Amino acid sequence: MELFEIPLTTIDGAPTTLAALGTRAVLVVNVASRCGMTPQYERLEALQRTYGERGFSVVGFPCNQFLGQEPGSGEQIKEFCALTYGVSFPLMEKTRVNGGRKHPLYARLHEVPDASGRTGRVKWNFEKFVIGADGTASRFRPQVEPDDPAVIAAIEAALQ
């Protein structure tokens, strides 16, 4: 199954896929509202505003698997993101990114190597995957900022 066709559920409970976004490239990121890295939302939104018209979208996947740092309901998460960071990009329902019940999208993303060639589990909140329409993906660990030159280069390449 292609990454863009894997069934997803929006934060509002509607079925969707990455393909339904009508984009050529996405940045998939597991997010959390009570994490030291939560300010990355600001830079994620900046990417959305910069590249959105070119066929790109950030897609946030709230995840509560790392020290319970995303405990809220879907409505609470949406409100926090909108009011605190002006988030306009799509958010999906709370998602498991690791373990035996991880979402099928993340099961596939575990196969994507990072810059040092490591694959496997998501290490923490705000791990990023740039996925092009052709299914090629790049992985960036949580400490890599959304506006890091390597992330920008991956987005630009995916939009070619």
N, C-alpha and C. Protein backbone atom coordinates (compact mmCIF):
# COMPACT_ATOMS: atom_id res chain seq x y z
N MET A 1 0.85 -1.19 0.00
CA MET A 1 0.00 0.00 0.00
C MET A 1 0.88 1.24 0.00
N GLU A 2 0.59 2.15 -0.88
CA GLU A 2 1.34 3.39 -0.95
C GLU A 2 1.09 4.25 0.29
N LEU A 3 2.09 4.99 0.71
CA LEU A 3 1.97 5.84 1.90
C LEU A 3 0.80 6.81 1.79
N PHE A 4 0.58 7.35 0.59
CA PHE A 4 -0.48 8.35 0.42
C PHE A 4 -1.88 7.73 0.46
N GLU A 5 -1.98 6.40 0.41
CA GLU A 5 -3.28 5.73 0.39
C GLU A 5 -3.64 5.06 1.72
N ILE A 6 -2.75 5.08 2.70
CA ILE A 6 -3.03 4.45 3.99
C ILE A 6 -4.18 5.20 4.67
N PRO A 7 -5.21 4.49 5.12
CA PRO A 7 -6.35 5.15 5.78
C PRO A 7 -5.93 5.87 7.07
N LEU A 8 -6.43 7.09 7.20
CA LEU A 8 -6.19 7.93 8.37
C LEU A 8 -7.52 8.44 8.89
N THR A 9 -7.49 9.01 10.07
CA THR A 9 -8.68 9.65 10.63
C THR A 9 -8.29 11.04 11.12
N THR A 10 -9.04 12.05 10.70
CA THR A 10 -8.75 13.41 11.12
C THR A 10 -9.04 13.58 12.61
N ILE A 11 -8.58 14.67 13.17
CA ILE A 11 -8.81 14.96 14.58
C ILE A 11 -10.31 15.13 14.87
N ASP A 12 -11.10 15.40 13.83
CA ASP A 12 -12.55 15.51 13.96
C ASP A 12 -13.27 14.19 13.74
N GLY A 13 -12.52 13.12 13.47
CA GLY A 13 -13.11 11.80 13.32
C GLY A 13 -13.49 11.40 11.90
N ALA A 14 -13.12 12.20 10.91
CA ALA A 14 -13.47 11.89 9.51
C ALA A 14 -12.38 11.02 8.88
N PRO A 15 -12.78 10.04 8.08
CA PRO A 15 -11.78 9.23 7.38
C PRO A 15 -11.11 10.05 6.27
N THR A 16 -9.83 9.78 6.07
CA THR A 16 -9.08 10.49 5.03
C THR A 16 -7.84 9.69 4.68
N THR A 17 -7.03 10.25 3.81
CA THR A 17 -5.71 9.74 3.45
C THR A 17 -4.81 10.94 3.19
N LEU A 18 -3.53 10.72 3.07
CA LEU A 18 -2.63 11.80 2.67
C LEU A 18 -2.96 12.25 1.25
N ALA A 19 -3.38 11.31 0.40
CA ALA A 19 -3.74 11.65 -0.98
C ALA A 19 -4.90 12.64 -1.03
N ALA A 20 -5.81 12.55 -0.07
CA ALA A 20 -6.98 13.43 -0.05
C ALA A 20 -6.60 14.89 0.15
N LEU A 21 -5.38 15.14 0.62
CA LEU A 21 -4.93 16.52 0.80
C LEU A 21 -4.68 17.22 -0.53
N GLY A 22 -4.52 16.42 -1.59
CA GLY A 22 -4.29 17.00 -2.91
C GLY A 22 -2.93 17.67 -3.02
N THR A 23 -1.94 17.17 -2.27
CA THR A 23 -0.61 17.75 -2.29
C THR A 23 0.38 16.83 -2.98
N ARG A 24 1.54 17.39 -3.31
CA ARG A 24 2.62 16.61 -3.90
C ARG A 24 3.63 16.16 -2.86
N ALA A 25 3.59 16.78 -1.70
CA ALA A 25 4.54 16.46 -0.64
C ALA A 25 3.94 16.79 0.71
N VAL A 26 4.31 16.00 1.72
CA VAL A 26 3.84 16.25 3.08
C VAL A 26 5.01 16.11 4.06
N LEU A 27 4.87 16.77 5.17
CA LEU A 27 5.77 16.59 6.29
C LEU A 27 4.91 16.00 7.40
N VAL A 28 5.10 14.72 7.68
CA VAL A 28 4.37 14.03 8.74
C VAL A 28 5.18 14.19 10.02
N VAL A 29 4.52 14.62 11.08
CA VAL A 29 5.21 14.84 12.36
C VAL A 29 4.31 14.46 13.51
N ASN A 30 4.86 13.69 14.47
CA ASN A 30 4.11 13.37 15.68
C ASN A 30 4.30 14.52 16.66
N VAL A 31 3.19 15.08 17.11
CA VAL A 31 3.21 16.31 17.90
C VAL A 31 2.68 16.09 19.31
N ALA A 32 3.03 17.01 20.20
CA ALA A 32 2.56 16.97 21.58
C ALA A 32 2.51 18.39 22.13
N SER A 33 1.52 18.65 22.94
CA SER A 33 1.28 20.00 23.47
C SER A 33 2.06 20.34 24.73
N ARG A 34 2.58 19.33 25.40
CA ARG A 34 3.26 19.57 26.68
C ARG A 34 4.69 19.04 26.65
N CYS A 35 5.39 19.34 25.61
CA CYS A 35 6.74 18.84 25.38
C CYS A 35 7.68 20.03 25.29
N GLY A 36 8.92 19.85 25.65
CA GLY A 36 9.90 20.91 25.50
C GLY A 36 10.09 21.33 24.05
N MET A 37 9.70 20.47 23.12
CA MET A 37 9.83 20.76 21.69
C MET A 37 8.55 21.34 21.09
N THR A 38 7.52 21.54 21.90
CA THR A 38 6.25 22.06 21.41
C THR A 38 6.39 23.37 20.63
N PRO A 39 7.33 24.25 20.98
CA PRO A 39 7.49 25.47 20.18
C PRO A 39 7.82 25.21 18.70
N GLN A 40 8.17 23.98 18.34
CA GLN A 40 8.38 23.66 16.93
C GLN A 40 7.11 23.88 16.11
N TYR A 41 5.95 23.89 16.76
CA TYR A 41 4.70 24.18 16.04
C TYR A 41 4.82 25.49 15.25
N GLU A 42 5.49 26.48 15.84
CA GLU A 42 5.61 27.78 15.17
C GLU A 42 6.34 27.63 13.83
N ARG A 43 7.42 26.88 13.82
CA ARG A 43 8.19 26.69 12.59
C ARG A 43 7.47 25.76 11.62
N LEU A 44 6.73 24.79 12.15
CA LEU A 44 5.93 23.93 11.27
C LEU A 44 4.87 24.76 10.54
N GLU A 45 4.23 25.66 11.27
CA GLU A 45 3.23 26.53 10.64
C GLU A 45 3.88 27.45 9.61
N ALA A 46 5.09 27.92 9.89
CA ALA A 46 5.80 28.75 8.92
C ALA A 46 6.07 27.97 7.63
N LEU A 47 6.43 26.69 7.75
CA LEU A 47 6.61 25.85 6.56
C LEU A 47 5.31 25.73 5.78
N GLN A 48 4.22 25.53 6.52
CA GLN A 48 2.90 25.41 5.87
C GLN A 48 2.59 26.67 5.06
N ARG A 49 2.83 27.81 5.65
CA ARG A 49 2.53 29.08 4.97
C ARG A 49 3.48 29.34 3.79
N THR A 50 4.72 28.94 3.94
CA THR A 50 5.71 29.16 2.88
C THR A 50 5.50 28.25 1.68
N TYR A 51 5.22 26.97 1.92
CA TYR A 51 5.18 25.99 0.84
C TYR A 51 3.79 25.49 0.48
N GLY A 52 2.78 25.85 1.24
CA GLY A 52 1.43 25.33 1.02
C GLY A 52 0.91 25.55 -0.39
N GLU A 53 1.14 26.72 -0.94
CA GLU A 53 0.63 27.01 -2.29
C GLU A 53 1.38 26.25 -3.37
N ARG A 54 2.50 25.65 -3.02
CA ARG A 54 3.28 24.88 -4.00
C ARG A 54 2.94 23.38 -3.97
N GLY A 55 1.93 23.00 -3.19
CA GLY A 55 1.54 21.60 -3.15
C GLY A 55 2.13 20.83 -1.99
N PHE A 56 2.33 21.50 -0.87
CA PHE A 56 2.93 20.91 0.33
C PHE A 56 2.00 21.09 1.51
N SER A 57 2.05 20.13 2.44
CA SER A 57 1.31 20.30 3.69
C SER A 57 2.04 19.61 4.83
N VAL A 58 2.09 20.28 5.95
CA VAL A 58 2.45 19.64 7.21
C VAL A 58 1.22 18.85 7.64
N VAL A 59 1.42 17.68 8.23
CA VAL A 59 0.31 16.91 8.80
C VAL A 59 0.73 16.47 10.19
N GLY A 60 0.00 16.95 11.21
CA GLY A 60 0.34 16.64 12.59
C GLY A 60 -0.41 15.43 13.11
N PHE A 61 0.32 14.57 13.80
CA PHE A 61 -0.25 13.38 14.42
C PHE A 61 -0.03 13.46 15.92
N PRO A 62 -1.00 13.98 16.67
CA PRO A 62 -0.85 14.02 18.13
C PRO A 62 -0.56 12.63 18.67
N CYS A 63 0.37 12.56 19.61
CA CYS A 63 0.79 11.27 20.17
C CYS A 63 1.04 11.44 21.66
N ASN A 64 0.50 10.52 22.44
CA ASN A 64 0.63 10.57 23.90
C ASN A 64 1.55 9.47 24.42
N GLN A 65 2.40 8.92 23.57
CA GLN A 65 3.25 7.79 23.97
C GLN A 65 4.55 8.20 24.67
N PHE A 66 4.87 9.47 24.71
CA PHE A 66 6.13 9.90 25.29
C PHE A 66 5.86 10.72 26.55
N LEU A 67 5.92 10.05 27.70
CA LEU A 67 5.68 10.66 29.01
C LEU A 67 4.33 11.37 29.12
N GLY A 68 3.33 10.90 28.37
CA GLY A 68 1.99 11.47 28.47
C GLY A 68 1.93 12.95 28.13
N GLN A 69 2.74 13.39 27.15
CA GLN A 69 2.84 14.81 26.84
C GLN A 69 1.76 15.32 25.89
N GLU A 70 0.81 14.47 25.52
CA GLU A 70 -0.35 14.90 24.72
C GLU A 70 -1.60 14.26 25.31
N PRO A 71 -2.00 14.71 26.53
CA PRO A 71 -3.11 14.05 27.23
C PRO A 71 -4.50 14.50 26.81
N GLY A 72 -4.61 15.59 26.10
CA GLY A 72 -5.92 16.19 25.82
C GLY A 72 -6.76 15.43 24.81
N SER A 73 -8.01 15.84 24.74
CA SER A 73 -8.94 15.32 23.73
C SER A 73 -8.62 15.97 22.39
N GLY A 74 -9.20 15.46 21.34
CA GLY A 74 -9.02 16.06 20.02
C GLY A 74 -9.40 17.53 20.01
N GLU A 75 -10.52 17.86 20.63
CA GLU A 75 -10.97 19.25 20.67
C GLU A 75 -9.98 20.13 21.43
N GLN A 76 -9.46 19.63 22.55
CA GLN A 76 -8.49 20.40 23.32
C GLN A 76 -7.19 20.61 22.53
N ILE A 77 -6.76 19.58 21.82
CA ILE A 77 -5.54 19.67 21.02
C ILE A 77 -5.73 20.71 19.91
N LYS A 78 -6.85 20.62 19.20
CA LYS A 78 -7.14 21.59 18.12
C LYS A 78 -7.14 23.01 18.65
N GLU A 79 -7.81 23.22 19.77
CA GLU A 79 -7.90 24.56 20.36
C GLU A 79 -6.52 25.08 20.76
N PHE A 80 -5.74 24.24 21.42
CA PHE A 80 -4.39 24.64 21.82
C PHE A 80 -3.56 25.04 20.60
N CYS A 81 -3.58 24.20 19.58
CA CYS A 81 -2.77 24.46 18.37
C CYS A 81 -3.20 25.75 17.68
N ALA A 82 -4.50 25.96 17.57
CA ALA A 82 -5.01 27.15 16.89
C ALA A 82 -4.73 28.42 17.69
N LEU A 83 -5.01 28.39 18.97
CA LEU A 83 -4.87 29.60 19.79
C LEU A 83 -3.42 29.93 20.13
N THR A 84 -2.60 28.92 20.35
CA THR A 84 -1.23 29.16 20.78
C THR A 84 -0.28 29.38 19.61
N TYR A 85 -0.48 28.63 18.52
CA TYR A 85 0.47 28.69 17.40
C TYR A 85 -0.17 29.02 16.06
N GLY A 86 -1.47 29.26 16.02
CA GLY A 86 -2.12 29.60 14.76
C GLY A 86 -2.06 28.49 13.73
N VAL A 87 -2.05 27.26 14.19
CA VAL A 87 -1.89 26.11 13.29
C VAL A 87 -3.05 26.04 12.29
N SER A 88 -2.69 26.00 11.02
CA SER A 88 -3.68 25.86 9.95
C SER A 88 -3.55 24.53 9.22
N PHE A 89 -2.48 23.81 9.49
CA PHE A 89 -2.28 22.52 8.80
C PHE A 89 -3.14 21.43 9.43
N PRO A 90 -3.41 20.36 8.67
CA PRO A 90 -4.29 19.29 9.18
C PRO A 90 -3.69 18.56 10.37
N LEU A 91 -4.56 18.22 11.29
CA LEU A 91 -4.21 17.37 12.43
C LEU A 91 -5.03 16.10 12.34
N MET A 92 -4.40 14.99 12.65
CA MET A 92 -5.09 13.70 12.66
C MET A 92 -5.46 13.35 14.10
N GLU A 93 -6.21 12.25 14.24
CA GLU A 93 -6.57 11.81 15.58
C GLU A 93 -5.31 11.39 16.33
N LYS A 94 -5.40 11.30 17.65
CA LYS A 94 -4.28 10.86 18.45
C LYS A 94 -3.83 9.50 17.93
N THR A 95 -2.53 9.36 17.73
CA THR A 95 -1.98 8.22 16.99
C THR A 95 -0.87 7.54 17.77
N ARG A 96 -0.84 6.22 17.71
CA ARG A 96 0.27 5.45 18.27
C ARG A 96 1.35 5.34 17.20
N VAL A 97 2.57 5.76 17.53
CA VAL A 97 3.66 5.74 16.55
C VAL A 97 4.66 4.62 16.79
N ASN A 98 4.58 3.96 17.93
CA ASN A 98 5.47 2.85 18.28
C ASN A 98 4.66 1.72 18.90
N GLY A 99 5.29 0.57 19.02
CA GLY A 99 4.69 -0.56 19.71
C GLY A 99 3.85 -1.42 18.78
N GLY A 100 3.31 -2.47 19.36
CA GLY A 100 2.55 -3.45 18.61
C GLY A 100 1.28 -2.91 17.97
N ARG A 101 0.73 -1.82 18.52
CA ARG A 101 -0.49 -1.25 17.96
C ARG A 101 -0.23 0.08 17.24
N LYS A 102 1.00 0.26 16.75
CA LYS A 102 1.31 1.51 16.04
C LYS A 102 0.48 1.59 14.77
N HIS A 103 0.20 2.81 14.36
CA HIS A 103 -0.59 3.05 13.15
C HIS A 103 0.15 2.49 11.94
N PRO A 104 -0.58 1.94 10.95
CA PRO A 104 0.08 1.40 9.75
C PRO A 104 0.98 2.40 9.03
N LEU A 105 0.64 3.69 9.05
CA LEU A 105 1.52 4.68 8.43
C LEU A 105 2.88 4.68 9.13
N TYR A 106 2.86 4.67 10.45
CA TYR A 106 4.12 4.68 11.19
C TYR A 106 4.85 3.35 11.09
N ALA A 107 4.13 2.26 10.92
CA ALA A 107 4.80 0.97 10.68
C ALA A 107 5.66 1.08 9.43
N ARG A 108 5.16 1.72 8.41
CA ARG A 108 5.92 1.93 7.17
C ARG A 108 7.03 2.97 7.37
N LEU A 109 6.75 4.02 8.12
CA LEU A 109 7.75 5.06 8.32
C LEU A 109 8.92 4.58 9.17
N HIS A 110 8.72 3.56 9.99
CA HIS A 110 9.83 2.99 10.76
C HIS A 110 10.94 2.48 9.85
N GLU A 111 10.60 2.16 8.60
CA GLU A 111 11.57 1.63 7.63
C GLU A 111 12.45 2.73 7.02
N VAL A 112 12.07 3.99 7.20
CA VAL A 112 12.80 5.11 6.60
C VAL A 112 14.03 5.43 7.45
N PRO A 113 15.22 5.48 6.83
CA PRO A 113 16.43 5.80 7.61
C PRO A 113 16.57 7.30 7.84
N ASP A 114 17.22 7.64 8.96
CA ASP A 114 17.56 9.03 9.23
C ASP A 114 18.90 9.35 8.55
N ALA A 115 19.46 10.51 8.80
CA ALA A 115 20.70 10.94 8.14
C ALA A 115 21.88 10.02 8.43
N SER A 116 21.85 9.34 9.56
CA SER A 116 22.95 8.42 9.89
C SER A 116 22.64 6.98 9.49
N GLY A 117 21.51 6.77 8.79
CA GLY A 117 21.17 5.44 8.30
C GLY A 117 20.37 4.59 9.26
N ARG A 118 19.98 5.14 10.40
CA ARG A 118 19.21 4.37 11.39
C ARG A 118 17.72 4.39 11.07
N THR A 119 17.10 3.23 11.20
CA THR A 119 15.66 3.08 11.02
C THR A 119 15.06 2.71 12.37
N GLY A 120 13.78 2.34 12.37
CA GLY A 120 13.16 1.83 13.59
C GLY A 120 12.24 2.82 14.26
N ARG A 121 12.09 2.62 15.54
CA ARG A 121 11.15 3.36 16.36
C ARG A 121 11.31 4.87 16.26
N VAL A 122 10.19 5.57 16.45
CA VAL A 122 10.21 7.02 16.60
C VAL A 122 10.83 7.29 17.97
N LYS A 123 11.80 8.19 18.02
CA LYS A 123 12.55 8.42 19.27
C LYS A 123 11.80 9.29 20.28
N TRP A 124 11.04 10.28 19.80
CA TRP A 124 10.37 11.21 20.72
C TRP A 124 9.36 12.02 19.92
N ASN A 125 8.69 12.94 20.59
CA ASN A 125 7.78 13.87 19.93
C ASN A 125 8.54 14.69 18.89
N PHE A 126 7.84 15.08 17.84
CA PHE A 126 8.35 15.95 16.79
C PHE A 126 9.41 15.31 15.90
N GLU A 127 9.29 13.99 15.71
CA GLU A 127 10.09 13.32 14.67
C GLU A 127 9.40 13.60 13.34
N LYS A 128 10.18 13.93 12.32
CA LYS A 128 9.61 14.42 11.06
C LYS A 128 9.96 13.51 9.89
N PHE A 129 8.99 13.38 8.98
CA PHE A 129 9.17 12.60 7.75
C PHE A 129 8.65 13.44 6.59
N VAL A 130 9.52 13.76 5.64
CA VAL A 130 9.09 14.43 4.42
C VAL A 130 8.83 13.34 3.40
N ILE A 131 7.61 13.32 2.86
CA ILE A 131 7.20 12.29 1.91
C ILE A 131 6.79 12.95 0.61
N GLY A 132 7.41 12.52 -0.48
CA GLY A 132 7.04 13.02 -1.80
C GLY A 132 5.93 12.18 -2.40
N ALA A 133 5.28 12.70 -3.43
CA ALA A 133 4.16 12.01 -4.08
C ALA A 133 4.57 10.65 -4.62
N ASP A 134 5.86 10.49 -4.94
CA ASP A 134 6.34 9.20 -5.45
C ASP A 134 6.62 8.20 -4.34
N GLY A 135 6.37 8.60 -3.08
CA GLY A 135 6.56 7.71 -1.95
C GLY A 135 7.94 7.76 -1.32
N THR A 136 8.85 8.49 -1.91
CA THR A 136 10.17 8.61 -1.29
C THR A 136 10.04 9.44 -0.02
N ALA A 137 10.81 9.05 0.99
CA ALA A 137 10.68 9.72 2.29
C ALA A 137 12.06 10.00 2.88
N SER A 138 12.14 11.07 3.64
CA SER A 138 13.33 11.44 4.40
C SER A 138 12.91 11.57 5.86
N ARG A 139 13.81 11.19 6.75
CA ARG A 139 13.50 11.19 8.18
C ARG A 139 14.40 12.15 8.93
N PHE A 140 13.80 12.89 9.84
CA PHE A 140 14.54 13.85 10.65
C PHE A 140 14.15 13.65 12.11
N ARG A 141 15.13 13.41 12.94
CA ARG A 141 14.88 13.14 14.36
C ARG A 141 14.34 14.40 15.06
N PRO A 142 13.76 14.24 16.24
CA PRO A 142 13.06 15.35 16.91
C PRO A 142 13.87 16.62 17.10
N GLN A 143 15.15 16.50 17.41
CA GLN A 143 15.94 17.70 17.68
C GLN A 143 16.26 18.50 16.42
N VAL A 144 16.02 17.93 15.24
CA VAL A 144 16.21 18.68 13.99
C VAL A 144 15.02 19.62 13.84
N GLU A 145 15.29 20.90 13.80
CA GLU A 145 14.22 21.90 13.71
C GLU A 145 13.53 21.84 12.35
N PRO A 146 12.26 22.19 12.30
CA PRO A 146 11.52 22.15 11.03
C PRO A 146 12.13 23.01 9.93
N ASP A 147 12.84 24.09 10.30
CA ASP A 147 13.43 24.95 9.29
C ASP A 147 14.92 24.69 9.08
N ASP A 148 15.40 23.54 9.55
CA ASP A 148 16.78 23.14 9.32
C ASP A 148 17.02 23.04 7.81
N PRO A 149 18.19 23.44 7.33
CA PRO A 149 18.45 23.38 5.89
C PRO A 149 18.23 21.99 5.27
N ALA A 150 18.49 20.93 6.00
CA ALA A 150 18.27 19.58 5.46
C ALA A 150 16.78 19.30 5.26
N VAL A 151 15.93 19.78 6.17
CA VAL A 151 14.49 19.60 6.02
C VAL A 151 13.99 20.43 4.83
N ILE A 152 14.46 21.66 4.74
CA ILE A 152 14.06 22.52 3.62
C ILE A 152 14.47 21.88 2.29
N ALA A 153 15.69 21.35 2.24
CA ALA A 153 16.16 20.70 1.00
C ALA A 153 15.28 19.50 0.65
N ALA A 154 14.87 18.72 1.65
CA ALA A 154 13.99 17.57 1.38
C ALA A 154 12.63 18.02 0.87
N ILE A 155 12.09 19.10 1.45
CA ILE A 155 10.81 19.62 0.98
C ILE A 155 10.94 20.11 -0.46
N GLU A 156 11.98 20.88 -0.74
CA GLU A 156 12.20 21.40 -2.10
C GLU A 156 12.33 20.24 -3.10
N ALA A 157 13.09 19.21 -2.73
CA ALA A 157 13.27 18.06 -3.63
C ALA A 157 11.94 17.34 -3.86
N ALA A 158 11.13 17.21 -2.81
CA ALA A 158 9.84 16.52 -2.94
C ALA A 158 8.86 17.30 -3.80
N LEU A 159 9.06 18.61 -3.88
CA LEU A 159 8.15 19.45 -4.68
C LEU A 159 8.58 19.58 -6.14
N GLN A 160 9.72 19.00 -6.50
CA GLN A 160 10.20 19.06 -7.89
C GLN A 160 9.38 18.17 -8.80
